[in-house]
């Protein structure tokens, strides 16, 4: 794979992940209103799962680590901390 192509893929990953983090923040706000919302919890879990699998692929191993941690927890406060850490990791 050429350096140019990889740079383009990494840029797209950063952009799409920034959008994903925005969606995750909205979901966390929904959980603040209703902590028992299982659909919202599942959607957040899927976001963390995707990040755990994709981060290292695009040269962001910390994103994968944080995504994996998000998969292992069910604490919305910790999830919010992880979303902030993910934003910094990009």
Protein backbone atom coordinates (compact mmCIF):
# COMPACT_ATOMS: atom_id res chain seq x y z
CA UNK A 1 0.00 0.00 0.00
CA UNK A 2 1.38 3.39 -0.92
CA UNK A 3 2.11 6.02 1.71
CA UNK A 4 -0.33 8.34 -0.01
CA UNK A 5 -3.15 5.82 0.16
CA UNK A 6 -2.44 5.04 3.80
CA UNK A 7 -2.41 8.75 4.66
CA UNK A 8 -5.77 9.12 2.94
CA UNK A 9 -7.22 6.15 4.81
CA UNK A 10 -5.91 7.48 8.13
CA UNK A 11 -7.45 10.90 7.43
CA UNK A 12 -10.79 9.28 6.63
CA UNK A 13 -10.56 7.21 9.83
CA UNK A 14 -9.92 10.36 11.90
CA UNK A 15 -12.86 12.14 10.32
CA UNK A 16 -15.28 9.24 10.67
CA UNK A 17 -14.13 8.59 14.23
CA UNK A 18 -14.70 12.24 15.14
CA UNK A 19 -18.26 11.87 13.81
CA UNK A 20 -18.64 8.61 15.73
CA UNK A 21 -17.49 10.30 18.95
CA UNK A 22 -20.12 12.99 18.43
CA UNK A 23 -22.79 10.31 18.08
CA UNK A 24 -21.47 8.59 21.19
CA UNK A 25 -21.73 11.85 23.16
CA UNK A 26 -25.38 12.14 22.14
CA UNK A 27 -26.00 8.56 23.26
CA UNK A 28 -24.33 9.27 26.59
CA UNK A 29 -26.62 12.27 27.05
CA UNK A 30 -29.56 9.95 26.40
CA UNK A 31 -28.26 7.61 29.09
CA UNK A 32 -28.06 10.55 31.49
CA UNK A 33 -31.82 10.94 30.98
CA UNK A 34 -32.61 7.20 31.12
CA UNK A 35 -29.86 4.93 32.46
CA UNK A 36 -31.97 1.83 31.80
CA UNK A 37 -32.20 2.41 28.02
CA UNK A 38 -30.83 -0.91 26.75
CA UNK A 39 -30.96 0.12 23.09
CA UNK A 40 -28.72 3.09 23.76
CA UNK A 41 -26.33 0.94 25.80
CA UNK A 42 -26.13 -1.58 22.96
CA UNK A 43 -25.46 1.15 20.40
CA UNK A 44 -22.64 2.52 22.53
CA UNK A 45 -21.22 -0.97 22.88
CA UNK A 46 -21.19 -1.37 19.10
CA UNK A 47 -19.33 1.92 18.71
CA UNK A 48 -16.69 0.84 21.22
CA UNK A 49 -16.43 -2.54 19.50
CA UNK A 50 -15.85 -0.94 16.10
CA UNK A 51 -13.15 1.33 17.49
CA UNK A 52 -11.39 -1.54 19.23
CA UNK A 53 -11.11 -3.33 15.91
CA UNK A 54 -10.21 -0.38 13.71
CA UNK A 55 -7.84 1.82 15.67
CA UNK A 56 -4.66 -0.20 15.38
CA UNK A 57 -5.43 -0.98 11.75
CA UNK A 58 -5.04 2.70 10.93
CA UNK A 59 -2.07 3.33 13.21
CA UNK A 60 -3.95 4.29 16.37
CA UNK A 61 -3.32 1.46 18.84
CA UNK A 62 -4.49 3.63 21.75
CA UNK A 63 -7.89 3.95 20.07
CA UNK A 64 -8.12 0.15 19.98
CA UNK A 65 -7.13 -0.09 23.65
CA UNK A 66 -9.73 2.47 24.70
CA UNK A 67 -12.36 0.80 22.53
CA UNK A 68 -11.64 -2.53 24.19
CA UNK A 69 -11.97 -0.96 27.61
CA UNK A 70 -15.30 0.52 26.57
CA UNK A 71 -16.48 -2.94 25.55
CA UNK A 72 -15.62 -4.30 29.00
CA UNK A 73 -17.45 -1.70 31.07
CA UNK A 74 -21.08 -0.75 31.42
CA UNK A 75 -20.54 2.42 33.45
CA UNK A 76 -21.78 5.51 31.57
CA UNK A 77 -19.44 7.78 33.58
CA UNK A 78 -16.45 5.70 32.51
CA UNK A 79 -17.75 5.64 28.95
CA UNK A 80 -17.78 9.44 28.94
CA UNK A 81 -14.17 9.47 30.15
CA UNK A 82 -13.24 7.01 27.41
CA UNK A 83 -14.92 9.12 24.72
CA UNK A 84 -12.85 12.11 25.89
CA UNK A 85 -9.69 9.97 25.86
CA UNK A 86 -10.52 8.72 22.37
CA UNK A 87 -10.82 12.28 21.11
CA UNK A 88 -7.39 13.06 22.53
CA UNK A 89 -5.93 9.86 21.02
CA UNK A 90 -6.79 11.04 17.52
